[in-house]
Amino acid sequence: MFDAETTALLRAVLDEVCESVSHGEIGARTHVASKILEAATRGEVSLDGLRQVGRDALSRAPTMWR
């Protein structure tokens, strides 16, 4: 679906946005990853744009995910 460079960018953004989220909190990471992937599928592939999408997704996640 995405080339290796874009895939690496998506992973880096996810890791950055979720740096304060435990790797064990799979629900929160999955939620953020889903929103980042949706944005990329719509054509948003800029670093800043994807960061913002990820941050927005994390801030809207249920409290138990933070």
N, C-alpha and C. Protein backbone atom coordinates (compact mmCIF):
# COMPACT_ATOMS: atom_id res chain seq x y z
N MET A 1 0.82 -1.19 0.00
CA MET A 1 0.00 0.00 0.00
C MET A 1 0.87 1.26 0.00
N PHE A 2 1.81 1.36 0.92
CA PHE A 2 2.72 2.50 0.98
C PHE A 2 4.14 2.01 0.70
N ASP A 3 4.97 2.90 0.20
CA ASP A 3 6.36 2.53 -0.02
C ASP A 3 7.10 2.48 1.33
N ALA A 4 8.30 1.96 1.30
CA ALA A 4 9.07 1.77 2.53
C ALA A 4 9.32 3.09 3.26
N GLU A 5 9.58 4.14 2.52
CA GLU A 5 9.85 5.44 3.15
C GLU A 5 8.62 5.97 3.89
N THR A 6 7.46 5.87 3.27
CA THR A 6 6.23 6.34 3.90
C THR A 6 5.89 5.48 5.10
N THR A 7 6.06 4.18 4.98
CA THR A 7 5.81 3.27 6.10
C THR A 7 6.70 3.61 7.29
N ALA A 8 7.96 3.91 7.02
CA ALA A 8 8.89 4.30 8.09
C ALA A 8 8.45 5.61 8.74
N LEU A 9 7.97 6.54 7.93
CA LEU A 9 7.48 7.82 8.45
C LEU A 9 6.27 7.59 9.36
N LEU A 10 5.33 6.77 8.91
CA LEU A 10 4.14 6.49 9.72
C LEU A 10 4.52 5.87 11.06
N ARG A 11 5.44 4.92 11.03
CA ARG A 11 5.88 4.27 12.27
C ARG A 11 6.58 5.28 13.20
N ALA A 12 7.41 6.14 12.63
CA ALA A 12 8.12 7.13 13.43
C ALA A 12 7.15 8.10 14.09
N VAL A 13 6.14 8.53 13.35
CA VAL A 13 5.14 9.45 13.91
C VAL A 13 4.37 8.75 15.02
N LEU A 14 3.97 7.52 14.80
CA LEU A 14 3.25 6.77 15.83
C LEU A 14 4.10 6.66 17.09
N ASP A 15 5.35 6.28 16.95
CA ASP A 15 6.23 6.14 18.10
C ASP A 15 6.42 7.47 18.83
N GLU A 16 6.56 8.55 18.07
CA GLU A 16 6.75 9.87 18.68
C GLU A 16 5.50 10.30 19.44
N VAL A 17 4.35 10.20 18.79
CA VAL A 17 3.11 10.65 19.42
C VAL A 17 2.78 9.81 20.65
N CYS A 18 3.09 8.54 20.59
CA CYS A 18 2.75 7.62 21.70
C CYS A 18 3.92 7.37 22.65
N GLU A 19 4.92 8.24 22.65
CA GLU A 19 6.09 8.00 23.50
C GLU A 19 5.73 7.94 24.98
N SER A 20 4.66 8.62 25.38
CA SER A 20 4.26 8.59 26.79
C SER A 20 3.24 7.49 27.07
N VAL A 21 2.85 6.75 26.04
CA VAL A 21 1.88 5.67 26.19
C VAL A 21 2.65 4.35 26.26
N SER A 22 2.35 3.56 27.25
CA SER A 22 3.00 2.26 27.41
C SER A 22 2.75 1.40 26.18
N HIS A 23 3.77 0.64 25.78
CA HIS A 23 3.60 -0.29 24.65
C HIS A 23 2.54 -1.35 24.97
N GLY A 24 2.27 -1.54 26.24
CA GLY A 24 1.25 -2.49 26.64
C GLY A 24 -0.17 -1.98 26.44
N GLU A 25 -0.31 -0.67 26.27
CA GLU A 25 -1.63 -0.09 26.05
C GLU A 25 -1.95 -0.15 24.55
N ILE A 26 -2.23 -1.33 24.11
CA ILE A 26 -2.42 -1.58 22.69
C ILE A 26 -3.62 -0.81 22.14
N GLY A 27 -4.66 -0.65 22.93
CA GLY A 27 -5.86 0.07 22.46
C GLY A 27 -5.56 1.49 22.05
N ALA A 28 -4.81 2.21 22.85
CA ALA A 28 -4.48 3.60 22.55
C ALA A 28 -3.60 3.68 21.32
N ARG A 29 -2.58 2.85 21.27
CA ARG A 29 -1.67 2.86 20.12
C ARG A 29 -2.41 2.48 18.84
N THR A 30 -3.31 1.53 18.93
CA THR A 30 -4.08 1.11 17.77
C THR A 30 -4.98 2.24 17.29
N HIS A 31 -5.61 2.94 18.22
CA HIS A 31 -6.47 4.08 17.88
C HIS A 31 -5.68 5.16 17.14
N VAL A 32 -4.54 5.52 17.69
CA VAL A 32 -3.70 6.55 17.06
C VAL A 32 -3.19 6.07 15.71
N ALA A 33 -2.73 4.84 15.65
CA ALA A 33 -2.23 4.29 14.38
C ALA A 33 -3.32 4.30 13.31
N SER A 34 -4.52 3.96 13.70
CA SER A 34 -5.63 3.94 12.76
C SER A 34 -5.89 5.33 12.18
N LYS A 35 -5.88 6.34 13.02
CA LYS A 35 -6.14 7.71 12.56
C LYS A 35 -5.00 8.21 11.67
N ILE A 36 -3.76 7.88 12.02
CA ILE A 36 -2.62 8.27 11.19
C ILE A 36 -2.71 7.58 9.84
N LEU A 37 -3.04 6.31 9.83
CA LEU A 37 -3.17 5.56 8.58
C LEU A 37 -4.30 6.10 7.72
N GLU A 38 -5.43 6.44 8.33
CA GLU A 38 -6.54 7.03 7.59
C GLU A 38 -6.10 8.33 6.91
N ALA A 39 -5.38 9.17 7.64
CA ALA A 39 -4.91 10.44 7.08
C ALA A 39 -3.95 10.20 5.92
N ALA A 40 -3.05 9.27 6.08
CA ALA A 40 -2.08 8.96 5.02
C ALA A 40 -2.79 8.41 3.79
N THR A 41 -3.81 7.62 3.99
CA THR A 41 -4.57 7.06 2.88
C THR A 41 -5.28 8.17 2.10
N ARG A 42 -5.68 9.22 2.82
CA ARG A 42 -6.32 10.38 2.17
C ARG A 42 -5.30 11.30 1.51
N GLY A 43 -4.00 11.00 1.68
CA GLY A 43 -2.97 11.79 1.02
C GLY A 43 -2.12 12.66 1.93
N GLU A 44 -2.40 12.66 3.23
CA GLU A 44 -1.60 13.45 4.17
C GLU A 44 -0.33 12.67 4.49
N VAL A 45 0.78 13.10 3.94
CA VAL A 45 2.04 12.41 4.21
C VAL A 45 3.13 13.37 4.70
N SER A 46 2.73 14.58 5.10
CA SER A 46 3.73 15.49 5.66
C SER A 46 3.95 15.14 7.13
N LEU A 47 5.15 15.30 7.58
CA LEU A 47 5.50 14.99 8.97
C LEU A 47 4.63 15.78 9.94
N ASP A 48 4.53 17.09 9.73
CA ASP A 48 3.76 17.92 10.65
C ASP A 48 2.27 17.56 10.63
N GLY A 49 1.74 17.30 9.45
CA GLY A 49 0.34 16.94 9.34
C GLY A 49 0.02 15.64 10.05
N LEU A 50 0.88 14.65 9.87
CA LEU A 50 0.66 13.35 10.52
C LEU A 50 0.84 13.45 12.03
N ARG A 51 1.79 14.26 12.47
CA ARG A 51 1.96 14.47 13.92
C ARG A 51 0.69 15.05 14.52
N GLN A 52 0.13 16.04 13.83
CA GLN A 52 -1.08 16.70 14.35
C GLN A 52 -2.24 15.71 14.40
N VAL A 53 -2.40 14.91 13.36
CA VAL A 53 -3.45 13.90 13.35
C VAL A 53 -3.26 12.94 14.53
N GLY A 54 -2.04 12.50 14.75
CA GLY A 54 -1.75 11.59 15.85
C GLY A 54 -2.02 12.21 17.20
N ARG A 55 -1.60 13.45 17.39
CA ARG A 55 -1.83 14.14 18.67
C ARG A 55 -3.32 14.33 18.91
N ASP A 56 -4.05 14.71 17.86
CA ASP A 56 -5.50 14.88 18.00
C ASP A 56 -6.16 13.56 18.39
N ALA A 57 -5.74 12.48 17.75
CA ALA A 57 -6.30 11.16 18.05
C ALA A 57 -6.01 10.77 19.50
N LEU A 58 -4.81 11.02 19.96
CA LEU A 58 -4.45 10.67 21.33
C LEU A 58 -5.23 11.52 22.32
N SER A 59 -5.41 12.80 22.02
CA SER A 59 -6.13 13.67 22.95
C SER A 59 -7.61 13.34 23.02
N ARG A 60 -8.14 12.72 21.98
CA ARG A 60 -9.55 12.34 21.96
C ARG A 60 -9.79 10.91 22.42
N ALA A 61 -8.72 10.21 22.71
CA ALA A 61 -8.86 8.83 23.17
C ALA A 61 -9.47 8.84 24.57
N PRO A 62 -10.24 7.81 24.90
CA PRO A 62 -10.80 7.72 26.25
C PRO A 62 -9.70 7.84 27.30
N THR A 63 -10.03 8.39 28.45
CA THR A 63 -9.08 8.66 29.52
C THR A 63 -8.28 7.43 29.90
N MET A 64 -8.88 6.26 29.88
CA MET A 64 -8.15 5.05 30.28
C MET A 64 -6.99 4.76 29.36
N TRP A 65 -6.94 5.39 28.17
CA TRP A 65 -5.87 5.15 27.20
C TRP A 65 -4.69 6.09 27.41
N ARG A 66 -4.80 7.06 28.29
CA ARG A 66 -3.71 8.02 28.47
C ARG A 66 -2.86 7.67 29.64
